[in-house]
Structure formats: structure tokens, C-alpha cells
Amino acid sequence: MLNEALLVVLLAVLAVSFIYFIWKRINPPASLETQKRAEVEPPIHTRPIAGSPKVVIAYDIDLREEAAWAREKTMTLRNSGGPAFKVQIQTIQYKNFAARFPVMSELNKGENKSAQAEVYQDGKIAGLLRHDFVRILEAIVQDSERKEHISLEARVLYEDGEGTSFCSLHDIEYGPGAKKVTTVLKWNGREEDLK
């Protein structure tokens, strides 16, 4: 009985040794040159790189039959290019009003995401109407003596997978007679080309 147990242990040791030997032949250790090259080569960037992103604002609303509390409160950001990162509509200001927007960590090709403004008046969030961007446009109209179409510039900043900064410029136009808000793209490209 003792001999059989010893024989089983010996066969198990031989089997493990044989398997280890075969594994070492199939997976040889990396050469010193390969190890050095791995230490010198920079790591592969973790973000996908697939062309330049093209992020634009889509914010077109009809205000003729909507009460202030019921009208659309979000702007939509659309990407028709490669992946975009750190996407943000920059703060839009007019006199004592400021609209601030959140940063979106990522916006992929073909994706649409909503961006809702926090509207401040005199440095304070504007209560129940704190997301109503149209209030800023209406303030501009009230200050205008001619009551004609007005526009306010909106700028979206974002990056591609390599960290290159991009920008899109828009005019948000408001016609008080027609009661419509439309957004027109003026420019889109690398931020350094804008200067």
C-alpha cells in the first residue's frame, strides 16, 4: 500500500515536471533585447483615435405656443466625427446673466447628448427658471430698441483622442416676432486654427 502511494506521488511529480517542461518550450522567456524595447517604447494611448471629432449644437425651438415653464430647456450636442472628449459649451454671458454648462467626458461618433444650462442672474441661480436659456435671449431683446433678430455666440470646446483641442462656434439667433430660436454653425475645427 505504501509502495502504491509512493508510486502515485512519483507519477504526479513526473507529470507536473513534464507539463512544465513543455510549457517552457512553448513560452520561452523574453530576450533581454525585447525587455529593453518594452521599457523604452511609450505606452499605447488608451483612447481610440478615429478621425477628428465634429461637435455642434442643435438648439432650434418654436416658442409661439409654449409657456416659459414648458419650453425646451436643453441644448443637444451632436458628434459627426471621431470620438470627442472633455466636451463643454463654454459659459455664455449677457450683462448680469450667465449660462453655465456641464462637461461631458465623452461623445462618440453619431451620438447626441443633452446639455442643460444653469442660468445665473446677478450671480445667483434663477430659481424655477434656472434652466431656461431663452430668458437670456429675451433680456437682449428687451434691451434692443429695434426689436429685430438678435444673436448670441456659443462656443463648444472639446478634444480628440490625442488631446488636440477643437472648437465650434455658433450663433444662437432669436426672432422676437417669429418667436423661434435657431442655431447656426459659423466655424468648426482645431482651436489653434481659430486664432
N, C-alpha and C. Protein backbone atom coordinates (compact mmCIF):
# COMPACT_ATOMS: atom_id res chain seq x y z
N MET A 1 0.82 -1.18 0.00
CA MET A 1 0.00 0.00 0.00
C MET A 1 0.87 1.25 0.00
N LEU A 2 1.93 1.20 0.80
CA LEU A 2 2.85 2.32 0.85
C LEU A 2 3.55 2.49 -0.48
N ASN A 3 3.90 1.38 -1.10
CA ASN A 3 4.56 1.44 -2.41
C ASN A 3 3.65 2.03 -3.47
N GLU A 4 2.36 1.72 -3.41
CA GLU A 4 1.42 2.26 -4.39
C GLU A 4 1.27 3.77 -4.20
N ALA A 5 1.20 4.23 -2.98
CA ALA A 5 1.09 5.65 -2.69
C ALA A 5 2.33 6.39 -3.17
N LEU A 6 3.51 5.81 -2.94
CA LEU A 6 4.76 6.42 -3.40
C LEU A 6 4.81 6.48 -4.91
N LEU A 7 4.35 5.43 -5.54
CA LEU A 7 4.32 5.39 -7.00
C LEU A 7 3.39 6.46 -7.57
N VAL A 8 2.23 6.68 -6.96
CA VAL A 8 1.29 7.72 -7.41
C VAL A 8 1.91 9.11 -7.26
N VAL A 9 2.57 9.37 -6.13
CA VAL A 9 3.22 10.66 -5.90
C VAL A 9 4.32 10.87 -6.92
N LEU A 10 5.12 9.82 -7.17
CA LEU A 10 6.21 9.92 -8.13
C LEU A 10 5.67 10.19 -9.53
N LEU A 11 4.60 9.53 -9.93
CA LEU A 11 4.00 9.78 -11.24
C LEU A 11 3.43 11.20 -11.34
N ALA A 12 2.84 11.68 -10.26
CA ALA A 12 2.31 13.05 -10.25
C ALA A 12 3.43 14.06 -10.41
N VAL A 13 4.55 13.86 -9.72
CA VAL A 13 5.71 14.76 -9.84
C VAL A 13 6.25 14.72 -11.25
N LEU A 14 6.37 13.56 -11.83
CA LEU A 14 6.86 13.43 -13.21
C LEU A 14 5.91 14.11 -14.20
N ALA A 15 4.59 13.95 -14.01
CA ALA A 15 3.62 14.58 -14.91
C ALA A 15 3.69 16.10 -14.83
N VAL A 16 3.77 16.66 -13.63
CA VAL A 16 3.89 18.11 -13.46
C VAL A 16 5.19 18.61 -14.08
N SER A 17 6.27 17.89 -13.88
CA SER A 17 7.57 18.28 -14.46
C SER A 17 7.50 18.27 -15.98
N PHE A 18 6.89 17.23 -16.54
CA PHE A 18 6.77 17.13 -17.99
C PHE A 18 5.94 18.28 -18.54
N ILE A 19 4.80 18.59 -17.89
CA ILE A 19 3.94 19.69 -18.33
C ILE A 19 4.69 21.02 -18.25
N TYR A 20 5.45 21.24 -17.18
CA TYR A 20 6.23 22.47 -17.02
C TYR A 20 7.28 22.59 -18.12
N PHE A 21 7.95 21.47 -18.42
CA PHE A 21 8.98 21.45 -19.45
C PHE A 21 8.38 21.82 -20.81
N ILE A 22 7.24 21.25 -21.16
CA ILE A 22 6.57 21.55 -22.42
C ILE A 22 6.14 23.02 -22.45
N TRP A 23 5.58 23.51 -21.35
CA TRP A 23 5.14 24.91 -21.29
C TRP A 23 6.31 25.87 -21.50
N LYS A 24 7.46 25.57 -20.89
CA LYS A 24 8.64 26.43 -21.04
C LYS A 24 9.15 26.42 -22.48
N ARG A 25 9.02 25.30 -23.19
CA ARG A 25 9.46 25.21 -24.58
C ARG A 25 8.53 26.03 -25.48
N ILE A 26 7.23 26.01 -25.15
CA ILE A 26 6.25 26.76 -25.96
C ILE A 26 6.34 28.25 -25.66
N ASN A 27 6.58 28.63 -24.42
CA ASN A 27 6.63 30.03 -23.99
C ASN A 27 8.02 30.37 -23.46
N PRO A 28 8.98 30.59 -24.35
CA PRO A 28 10.33 30.91 -23.87
C PRO A 28 10.35 32.28 -23.21
N PRO A 29 11.28 32.51 -22.30
CA PRO A 29 11.37 33.84 -21.67
C PRO A 29 11.77 34.88 -22.71
N ALA A 30 11.30 36.11 -22.50
CA ALA A 30 11.63 37.19 -23.42
C ALA A 30 13.12 37.46 -23.38
N SER A 31 13.66 37.76 -24.57
CA SER A 31 15.09 38.06 -24.62
C SER A 31 15.35 39.40 -23.96
N LEU A 32 16.57 39.65 -23.63
CA LEU A 32 16.96 40.90 -22.99
C LEU A 32 16.65 42.08 -23.89
N GLU A 33 16.84 41.91 -25.21
CA GLU A 33 16.55 42.99 -26.16
C GLU A 33 15.06 43.32 -26.17
N THR A 34 14.19 42.29 -26.15
CA THR A 34 12.74 42.51 -26.12
C THR A 34 12.33 43.23 -24.85
N GLN A 35 12.94 42.86 -23.73
CA GLN A 35 12.61 43.51 -22.47
C GLN A 35 13.02 44.97 -22.50
N LYS A 36 14.22 45.28 -23.04
CA LYS A 36 14.67 46.67 -23.12
C LYS A 36 13.74 47.49 -24.01
N ARG A 37 13.34 46.91 -25.17
CA ARG A 37 12.47 47.61 -26.10
C ARG A 37 11.12 47.92 -25.44
N ALA A 38 10.60 46.98 -24.66
CA ALA A 38 9.33 47.18 -23.96
C ALA A 38 9.44 48.31 -22.94
N GLU A 39 10.60 48.47 -22.32
CA GLU A 39 10.79 49.54 -21.35
C GLU A 39 10.88 50.90 -22.01
N VAL A 40 11.43 50.96 -23.24
CA VAL A 40 11.65 52.23 -23.93
C VAL A 40 10.42 52.69 -24.68
N GLU A 41 9.65 51.77 -25.28
CA GLU A 41 8.50 52.16 -26.08
C GLU A 41 7.44 52.81 -25.20
N PRO A 42 6.87 53.92 -25.68
CA PRO A 42 5.82 54.58 -24.91
C PRO A 42 4.56 53.72 -24.89
N PRO A 43 3.75 53.87 -23.86
CA PRO A 43 2.51 53.09 -23.81
C PRO A 43 1.55 53.53 -24.90
N ILE A 44 0.73 52.61 -25.36
CA ILE A 44 -0.27 52.92 -26.38
C ILE A 44 -1.35 53.76 -25.72
N HIS A 45 -1.78 54.82 -26.42
CA HIS A 45 -2.82 55.71 -25.89
C HIS A 45 -4.10 54.91 -25.67
N THR A 46 -4.76 55.14 -24.56
CA THR A 46 -5.93 54.34 -24.21
C THR A 46 -7.20 54.80 -24.90
N ARG A 47 -7.24 56.02 -25.42
CA ARG A 47 -8.44 56.49 -26.09
C ARG A 47 -8.38 56.11 -27.57
N PRO A 48 -9.50 55.73 -28.16
CA PRO A 48 -9.50 55.38 -29.57
C PRO A 48 -9.27 56.61 -30.44
N ILE A 49 -8.53 56.43 -31.51
CA ILE A 49 -8.25 57.54 -32.42
C ILE A 49 -8.85 57.17 -33.77
N ALA A 50 -9.88 57.88 -34.18
CA ALA A 50 -10.58 57.54 -35.42
C ALA A 50 -11.06 58.80 -36.12
N GLY A 51 -10.17 59.68 -36.51
CA GLY A 51 -10.55 60.90 -37.20
C GLY A 51 -10.91 62.02 -36.25
N SER A 52 -10.99 63.21 -36.80
CA SER A 52 -11.29 64.40 -36.00
C SER A 52 -12.76 64.42 -35.58
N PRO A 53 -13.02 64.79 -34.33
CA PRO A 53 -14.42 64.93 -33.91
C PRO A 53 -15.03 66.19 -34.51
N LYS A 54 -16.33 66.20 -34.66
CA LYS A 54 -17.06 67.37 -35.17
C LYS A 54 -18.32 67.53 -34.32
N VAL A 55 -18.20 68.32 -33.27
CA VAL A 55 -19.30 68.51 -32.31
C VAL A 55 -19.99 69.84 -32.58
N VAL A 56 -21.31 69.79 -32.71
CA VAL A 56 -22.10 71.00 -32.95
C VAL A 56 -23.29 71.05 -32.00
N ILE A 57 -23.82 72.25 -31.83
CA ILE A 57 -25.02 72.46 -31.01
C ILE A 57 -26.25 72.38 -31.90
N ALA A 58 -27.26 71.65 -31.46
CA ALA A 58 -28.56 71.64 -32.11
C ALA A 58 -29.55 72.19 -31.08
N TYR A 59 -30.00 73.40 -31.32
CA TYR A 59 -30.93 74.06 -30.38
C TYR A 59 -31.86 74.93 -31.21
N ASP A 60 -32.94 74.34 -31.69
CA ASP A 60 -33.92 75.04 -32.51
C ASP A 60 -35.28 74.79 -31.89
N ILE A 61 -35.92 75.85 -31.40
CA ILE A 61 -37.22 75.69 -30.74
C ILE A 61 -38.21 76.75 -31.20
N ASP A 62 -39.47 76.39 -31.15
CA ASP A 62 -40.57 77.28 -31.50
C ASP A 62 -41.27 77.67 -30.20
N LEU A 63 -41.31 78.96 -29.91
CA LEU A 63 -41.84 79.44 -28.64
C LEU A 63 -43.26 80.00 -28.73
N ARG A 64 -43.89 79.91 -29.90
CA ARG A 64 -45.18 80.57 -30.10
C ARG A 64 -46.27 80.10 -29.16
N GLU A 65 -46.30 78.80 -28.87
CA GLU A 65 -47.42 78.30 -28.07
C GLU A 65 -46.96 77.66 -26.77
N GLU A 66 -45.77 77.97 -26.33
CA GLU A 66 -45.26 77.35 -25.11
C GLU A 66 -45.10 78.38 -24.00
N ALA A 67 -45.54 78.00 -22.82
CA ALA A 67 -45.32 78.85 -21.65
C ALA A 67 -43.85 78.73 -21.25
N ALA A 68 -43.34 79.72 -20.54
CA ALA A 68 -41.93 79.73 -20.15
C ALA A 68 -41.55 78.47 -19.38
N TRP A 69 -42.41 77.97 -18.53
CA TRP A 69 -42.07 76.80 -17.72
C TRP A 69 -42.09 75.50 -18.54
N ALA A 70 -42.77 75.52 -19.72
CA ALA A 70 -42.92 74.29 -20.52
C ALA A 70 -41.94 74.19 -21.68
N ARG A 71 -41.25 75.27 -22.03
CA ARG A 71 -40.41 75.21 -23.23
C ARG A 71 -39.13 74.40 -23.02
N GLU A 72 -38.53 74.04 -24.13
CA GLU A 72 -37.33 73.18 -24.12
C GLU A 72 -36.20 73.83 -23.33
N LYS A 73 -35.63 73.06 -22.42
CA LYS A 73 -34.60 73.61 -21.53
C LYS A 73 -33.20 73.08 -21.83
N THR A 74 -33.06 72.17 -22.79
CA THR A 74 -31.74 71.59 -23.04
C THR A 74 -31.28 71.88 -24.46
N MET A 75 -29.98 71.95 -24.62
CA MET A 75 -29.36 72.03 -25.93
C MET A 75 -28.82 70.62 -26.22
N THR A 76 -28.81 70.23 -27.49
CA THR A 76 -28.29 68.93 -27.86
C THR A 76 -26.94 69.11 -28.52
N LEU A 77 -25.97 68.31 -28.10
CA LEU A 77 -24.66 68.29 -28.74
C LEU A 77 -24.59 67.05 -29.61
N ARG A 78 -24.20 67.23 -30.87
CA ARG A 78 -24.11 66.13 -31.84
C ARG A 78 -22.68 66.00 -32.34
N ASN A 79 -22.23 64.75 -32.45
CA ASN A 79 -20.88 64.49 -32.96
C ASN A 79 -20.97 63.67 -34.24
N SER A 80 -20.47 64.24 -35.35
CA SER A 80 -20.49 63.53 -36.63
C SER A 80 -19.09 63.07 -37.03
N GLY A 81 -18.11 63.22 -36.12
CA GLY A 81 -16.74 62.79 -36.43
C GLY A 81 -16.26 61.74 -35.46
N GLY A 82 -14.95 61.68 -35.26
CA GLY A 82 -14.36 60.72 -34.33
C GLY A 82 -14.75 61.03 -32.89
N PRO A 83 -14.37 60.17 -31.96
CA PRO A 83 -14.72 60.39 -30.55
C PRO A 83 -14.22 61.73 -30.02
N ALA A 84 -15.05 62.40 -29.24
CA ALA A 84 -14.70 63.69 -28.63
C ALA A 84 -14.68 63.52 -27.11
N PHE A 85 -13.75 64.20 -26.46
CA PHE A 85 -13.59 64.10 -25.02
C PHE A 85 -13.60 65.50 -24.41
N LYS A 86 -13.94 65.59 -23.12
CA LYS A 86 -14.00 66.86 -22.38
C LYS A 86 -14.83 67.89 -23.15
N VAL A 87 -16.02 67.52 -23.54
CA VAL A 87 -16.89 68.36 -24.35
C VAL A 87 -17.66 69.31 -23.44
N GLN A 88 -17.61 70.62 -23.77
CA GLN A 88 -18.33 71.58 -22.95
C GLN A 88 -18.69 72.83 -23.75
N ILE A 89 -19.95 73.24 -23.60
CA ILE A 89 -20.36 74.55 -24.10
C ILE A 89 -19.81 75.56 -23.09
N GLN A 90 -19.04 76.50 -23.57
CA GLN A 90 -18.45 77.49 -22.67
C GLN A 90 -19.53 78.42 -22.10
N THR A 91 -19.25 79.02 -20.96
CA THR A 91 -20.20 79.91 -20.31
C THR A 91 -20.62 81.02 -21.29
N ILE A 92 -21.92 81.24 -21.38
CA ILE A 92 -22.48 82.29 -22.24
C ILE A 92 -22.98 83.39 -21.33
N GLN A 93 -22.50 84.62 -21.58
CA GLN A 93 -22.86 85.74 -20.70
C GLN A 93 -23.51 86.87 -21.47
N TYR A 94 -24.44 87.52 -20.79
CA TYR A 94 -25.02 88.76 -21.27
C TYR A 94 -25.36 89.59 -20.04
N LYS A 95 -24.72 90.74 -19.91
CA LYS A 95 -24.90 91.64 -18.77
C LYS A 95 -24.87 90.87 -17.46
N ASN A 96 -25.99 90.85 -16.72
CA ASN A 96 -25.98 90.20 -15.41
C ASN A 96 -26.43 88.73 -15.47
N PHE A 97 -26.57 88.17 -16.69
CA PHE A 97 -26.93 86.77 -16.88
C PHE A 97 -25.69 85.95 -17.26
N ALA A 98 -25.67 84.71 -16.81
CA ALA A 98 -24.62 83.77 -17.21
C ALA A 98 -25.23 82.38 -17.28
N ALA A 99 -24.96 81.67 -18.38
CA ALA A 99 -25.41 80.29 -18.54
C ALA A 99 -24.18 79.40 -18.51
N ARG A 100 -24.16 78.48 -17.54
CA ARG A 100 -23.01 77.56 -17.39
C ARG A 100 -23.47 76.15 -17.71
N PHE A 101 -22.60 75.40 -18.40
CA PHE A 101 -22.95 74.06 -18.87
C PHE A 101 -21.99 73.02 -18.29
N PRO A 102 -22.47 71.79 -18.08
CA PRO A 102 -21.60 70.74 -17.54
C PRO A 102 -20.63 70.21 -18.60
N VAL A 103 -19.56 69.58 -18.14
CA VAL A 103 -18.59 68.94 -19.02
C VAL A 103 -19.06 67.51 -19.28
N MET A 104 -19.00 67.10 -20.54
CA MET A 104 -19.29 65.71 -20.90
C MET A 104 -17.96 65.01 -21.11
N SER A 105 -17.75 63.91 -20.43
CA SER A 105 -16.45 63.24 -20.52
C SER A 105 -16.20 62.68 -21.92
N GLU A 106 -17.25 62.21 -22.61
CA GLU A 106 -17.05 61.59 -23.93
C GLU A 106 -18.31 61.71 -24.76
N LEU A 107 -18.13 61.93 -26.07
CA LEU A 107 -19.23 61.98 -27.02
C LEU A 107 -18.75 61.25 -28.27
N ASN A 108 -19.31 60.06 -28.53
CA ASN A 108 -18.86 59.23 -29.64
C ASN A 108 -19.50 59.64 -30.95
N LYS A 109 -18.95 59.13 -32.06
CA LYS A 109 -19.46 59.42 -33.40
C LYS A 109 -20.92 59.00 -33.50
N GLY A 110 -21.75 59.90 -34.04
CA GLY A 110 -23.16 59.62 -34.21
C GLY A 110 -23.99 59.77 -32.96
N GLU A 111 -23.36 60.15 -31.86
CA GLU A 111 -24.06 60.25 -30.58
C GLU A 111 -24.59 61.66 -30.35
N ASN A 112 -25.75 61.75 -29.72
CA ASN A 112 -26.34 63.02 -29.30
C ASN A 112 -26.47 63.00 -27.78
N LYS A 113 -26.09 64.10 -27.13
CA LYS A 113 -26.27 64.20 -25.68
C LYS A 113 -26.84 65.57 -25.36
N SER A 114 -27.69 65.60 -24.34
CA SER A 114 -28.30 66.85 -23.91
C SER A 114 -27.41 67.58 -22.91
N ALA A 115 -27.35 68.90 -23.07
CA ALA A 115 -26.62 69.76 -22.14
C ALA A 115 -27.59 70.80 -21.62
N GLN A 116 -27.78 70.81 -20.32
CA GLN A 116 -28.73 71.74 -19.71
C GLN A 116 -27.97 72.84 -18.98
N ALA A 117 -28.31 74.08 -19.28
CA ALA A 117 -27.64 75.22 -18.67
C ALA A 117 -28.15 75.45 -17.25
N GLU A 118 -27.25 75.96 -16.42
CA GLU A 118 -27.63 76.54 -15.14
C GLU A 118 -27.55 78.04 -15.37
N VAL A 119 -28.70 78.71 -15.34
CA VAL A 119 -28.74 80.15 -15.62
C VAL A 119 -28.65 80.92 -14.31
N TYR A 120 -27.69 81.84 -14.28
CA TYR A 120 -27.47 82.69 -13.11
C TYR A 120 -27.86 84.11 -13.47
N GLN A 121 -28.48 84.79 -12.53
CA GLN A 121 -28.78 86.20 -12.70
C GLN A 121 -28.26 86.91 -11.46
N ASP A 122 -27.41 87.89 -11.68
CA ASP A 122 -26.75 88.62 -10.59
C ASP A 122 -25.99 87.66 -9.67
N GLY A 123 -25.38 86.63 -10.27
CA GLY A 123 -24.56 85.68 -9.51
C GLY A 123 -25.33 84.62 -8.75
N LYS A 124 -26.67 84.60 -8.87
CA LYS A 124 -27.48 83.61 -8.15
C LYS A 124 -28.26 82.77 -9.15
N ILE A 125 -28.44 81.49 -8.81
CA ILE A 125 -29.25 80.62 -9.66
C ILE A 125 -30.67 81.15 -9.68
N ALA A 126 -31.26 81.16 -10.88
CA ALA A 126 -32.54 81.82 -11.09
C ALA A 126 -33.76 80.96 -10.76
N GLY A 127 -33.80 80.35 -9.60
CA GLY A 127 -34.99 79.65 -9.10
C GLY A 127 -35.58 78.63 -10.04
N LEU A 128 -36.91 78.66 -10.19
CA LEU A 128 -37.61 77.68 -11.03
C LEU A 128 -37.21 77.77 -12.49
N LEU A 129 -36.77 78.91 -12.94
CA LEU A 129 -36.38 79.09 -14.35
C LEU A 129 -34.87 78.97 -14.54
N ARG A 130 -34.20 78.26 -13.63
CA ARG A 130 -32.74 78.20 -13.67
C ARG A 130 -32.18 77.48 -14.90
N HIS A 131 -33.01 76.72 -15.63
CA HIS A 131 -32.53 76.03 -16.83
C HIS A 131 -33.03 76.68 -18.11
N ASP A 132 -33.71 77.81 -18.00
CA ASP A 132 -34.35 78.44 -19.16
C ASP A 132 -33.39 79.41 -19.85
N PHE A 133 -32.64 78.90 -20.83
CA PHE A 133 -31.67 79.72 -21.56
C PHE A 133 -32.35 80.86 -22.33
N VAL A 134 -33.58 80.65 -22.76
CA VAL A 134 -34.30 81.67 -23.55
C VAL A 134 -34.44 82.98 -22.76
N ARG A 135 -34.43 82.91 -21.45
CA ARG A 135 -34.52 84.14 -20.63
C ARG A 135 -33.40 85.12 -20.98
N ILE A 136 -32.22 84.59 -21.29
CA ILE A 136 -31.10 85.47 -21.66
C ILE A 136 -31.40 86.14 -23.00
N LEU A 137 -31.92 85.36 -23.96
CA LEU A 137 -32.26 85.93 -25.27
C LEU A 137 -33.35 86.99 -25.13
N GLU A 138 -34.33 86.73 -24.28
CA GLU A 138 -35.40 87.71 -24.08
C GLU A 138 -34.87 88.98 -23.42
N ALA A 139 -33.88 88.86 -22.55
CA ALA A 139 -33.28 90.05 -21.93
C ALA A 139 -32.58 90.90 -22.99
N ILE A 140 -31.93 90.26 -23.96
CA ILE A 140 -31.27 91.01 -25.04
C ILE A 140 -32.32 91.75 -25.87
N VAL A 141 -33.42 91.08 -26.18
CA VAL A 141 -34.50 91.70 -26.97
C VAL A 141 -35.06 92.90 -26.22
N GLN A 142 -35.27 92.77 -24.92
CA GLN A 142 -35.81 93.88 -24.14
C GLN A 142 -34.87 95.08 -24.15
N ASP A 143 -33.57 94.82 -24.21
CA ASP A 143 -32.59 95.92 -24.25
C ASP A 143 -32.46 96.53 -25.64
N SER A 144 -32.93 95.83 -26.66
CA SER A 144 -32.82 96.31 -28.04
C SER A 144 -34.00 97.22 -28.36
N GLU A 145 -33.71 98.38 -28.90
CA GLU A 145 -34.77 99.33 -29.22
C GLU A 145 -35.50 98.96 -30.51
N ARG A 146 -34.80 98.26 -31.42
CA ARG A 146 -35.39 97.98 -32.73
C ARG A 146 -36.23 96.71 -32.74
N LYS A 147 -36.13 95.86 -31.75
CA LYS A 147 -36.90 94.62 -31.66
C LYS A 147 -36.70 93.73 -32.89
N GLU A 148 -35.48 93.63 -33.36
CA GLU A 148 -35.19 92.77 -34.50
C GLU A 148 -34.48 91.50 -34.04
N HIS A 149 -34.15 90.63 -35.00
CA HIS A 149 -33.44 89.40 -34.67
C HIS A 149 -32.15 89.73 -33.93
N ILE A 150 -31.89 88.96 -32.90
CA ILE A 150 -30.65 89.12 -32.15
C ILE A 150 -29.91 87.79 -32.20
N SER A 151 -28.61 87.83 -31.90
CA SER A 151 -27.85 86.58 -31.83
C SER A 151 -26.83 86.66 -30.70
N LEU A 152 -26.50 85.51 -30.20
CA LEU A 152 -25.56 85.37 -29.11
C LEU A 152 -24.60 84.25 -29.50
N GLU A 153 -23.30 84.50 -29.34
CA GLU A 153 -22.33 83.48 -29.75
C GLU A 153 -22.20 82.39 -28.70
N ALA A 154 -22.14 81.14 -29.16
CA ALA A 154 -21.93 79.98 -28.29
C ALA A 154 -20.70 79.23 -28.81
N ARG A 155 -19.84 78.84 -27.89
CA ARG A 155 -18.58 78.18 -28.25
C ARG A 155 -18.52 76.82 -27.54
N VAL A 156 -18.24 75.76 -28.30
CA VAL A 156 -18.08 74.42 -27.74
C VAL A 156 -16.61 74.04 -27.85
N LEU A 157 -16.00 73.66 -26.72
CA LEU A 157 -14.62 73.19 -26.72
C LEU A 157 -14.62 71.70 -26.45
N TYR A 158 -13.70 70.98 -27.13
CA TYR A 158 -13.59 69.53 -26.95
C TYR A 158 -12.23 69.07 -27.45
N GLU A 159 -11.89 67.81 -27.17
CA GLU A 159 -10.59 67.25 -27.58
C GLU A 159 -10.80 65.95 -28.33
N ASP A 160 -9.79 65.60 -29.15
CA ASP A 160 -9.82 64.27 -29.76
C ASP A 160 -9.05 63.30 -28.86
N GLY A 161 -8.86 62.07 -29.32
CA GLY A 161 -8.21 61.05 -28.51
C GLY A 161 -6.75 61.32 -28.21
N GLU A 162 -6.12 62.20 -28.99
CA GLU A 162 -4.71 62.54 -28.76
C GLU A 162 -4.54 63.79 -27.92
N GLY A 163 -5.64 64.41 -27.52
CA GLY A 163 -5.57 65.61 -26.68
C GLY A 163 -5.53 66.91 -27.47
N THR A 164 -5.73 66.86 -28.80
CA THR A 164 -5.78 68.07 -29.62
C THR A 164 -7.09 68.80 -29.34
N SER A 165 -7.00 70.11 -29.12
CA SER A 165 -8.19 70.91 -28.79
C SER A 165 -8.93 71.34 -30.05
N PHE A 166 -10.25 71.20 -30.01
CA PHE A 166 -11.12 71.62 -31.10
C PHE A 166 -12.15 72.60 -30.58
N CYS A 167 -12.77 73.32 -31.51
CA CYS A 167 -13.75 74.33 -31.14
C CYS A 167 -14.81 74.43 -32.24
N SER A 168 -16.05 74.65 -31.85
CA SER A 168 -17.09 75.00 -32.82
C SER A 168 -17.77 76.27 -32.33
N LEU A 169 -17.96 77.20 -33.26
CA LEU A 169 -18.61 78.48 -32.94
C LEU A 169 -19.99 78.51 -33.58
N HIS A 170 -20.97 79.00 -32.83
CA HIS A 170 -22.34 79.06 -33.30
C HIS A 170 -22.94 80.42 -32.98
N ASP A 171 -23.93 80.81 -33.76
CA ASP A 171 -24.78 81.94 -33.41
C ASP A 171 -26.13 81.37 -33.00
N ILE A 172 -26.56 81.69 -31.78
CA ILE A 172 -27.90 81.32 -31.35
C ILE A 172 -28.76 82.55 -31.63
N GLU A 173 -29.68 82.41 -32.59
CA GLU A 173 -30.47 83.54 -33.06
C GLU A 173 -31.90 83.44 -32.53
N TYR A 174 -32.44 84.60 -32.23
CA TYR A 174 -33.80 84.67 -31.71
C TYR A 174 -34.55 85.77 -32.42
N GLY A 175 -35.70 85.39 -32.99
CA GLY A 175 -36.54 86.37 -33.65
C GLY A 175 -37.76 86.63 -32.80
N PRO A 176 -37.84 87.77 -32.14
CA PRO A 176 -38.96 88.03 -31.24
C PRO A 176 -40.31 88.01 -31.94
N GLY A 177 -40.37 88.44 -33.20
CA GLY A 177 -41.64 88.43 -33.94
C GLY A 177 -42.06 87.00 -34.26
N ALA A 178 -41.12 86.20 -34.76
CA ALA A 178 -41.42 84.81 -35.14
C ALA A 178 -41.46 83.90 -33.93
N LYS A 179 -40.87 84.33 -32.83
CA LYS A 179 -40.80 83.53 -31.60
C LYS A 179 -40.12 82.19 -31.84
N LYS A 180 -39.00 82.23 -32.56
CA LYS A 180 -38.25 81.00 -32.82
C LYS A 180 -36.78 81.21 -32.47
N VAL A 181 -36.18 80.16 -31.93
CA VAL A 181 -34.75 80.16 -31.65
C VAL A 181 -34.11 79.18 -32.63
N THR A 182 -33.07 79.62 -33.32
CA THR A 182 -32.33 78.74 -34.23
C THR A 182 -30.84 78.87 -33.94
N THR A 183 -30.12 77.81 -34.22
CA THR A 183 -28.67 77.81 -34.01
C THR A 183 -27.97 77.59 -35.33
N VAL A 184 -27.02 78.47 -35.64
CA VAL A 184 -26.29 78.42 -36.90
C VAL A 184 -24.81 78.18 -36.61
N LEU A 185 -24.24 77.16 -37.25
CA LEU A 185 -22.81 76.87 -37.10
C LEU A 185 -22.03 77.87 -37.94
N LYS A 186 -21.06 78.56 -37.31
CA LYS A 186 -20.21 79.53 -38.02
C LYS A 186 -18.84 78.94 -38.37
N TRP A 187 -18.30 78.11 -37.46
CA TRP A 187 -16.95 77.58 -37.66
C TRP A 187 -16.77 76.34 -36.81
N ASN A 188 -15.98 75.39 -37.35
CA ASN A 188 -15.68 74.17 -36.60
C ASN A 188 -14.31 73.66 -37.03
N GLY A 189 -13.42 73.40 -36.08
CA GLY A 189 -12.09 72.90 -36.41
C GLY A 189 -11.17 72.93 -35.21
N ARG A 190 -9.87 72.78 -35.49
CA ARG A 190 -8.89 72.80 -34.40
C ARG A 190 -8.87 74.20 -33.78
N GLU A 191 -8.77 74.24 -32.47
CA GLU A 191 -8.82 75.53 -31.77
C GLU A 191 -7.66 76.43 -32.19
N GLU A 192 -6.50 75.86 -32.44
CA GLU A 192 -5.34 76.69 -32.82
C GLU A 192 -5.54 77.35 -34.17
N ASP A 193 -6.39 76.80 -35.05
CA ASP A 193 -6.65 77.40 -36.36
C ASP A 193 -7.63 78.57 -36.28
N LEU A 194 -8.31 78.70 -35.14
CA LEU A 194 -9.29 79.77 -34.97
C LEU A 194 -8.61 81.11 -34.74
N LYS A 195 -7.42 81.10 -34.17
CA LYS A 195 -6.76 82.34 -33.77
C LYS A 195 -6.24 83.14 -34.92
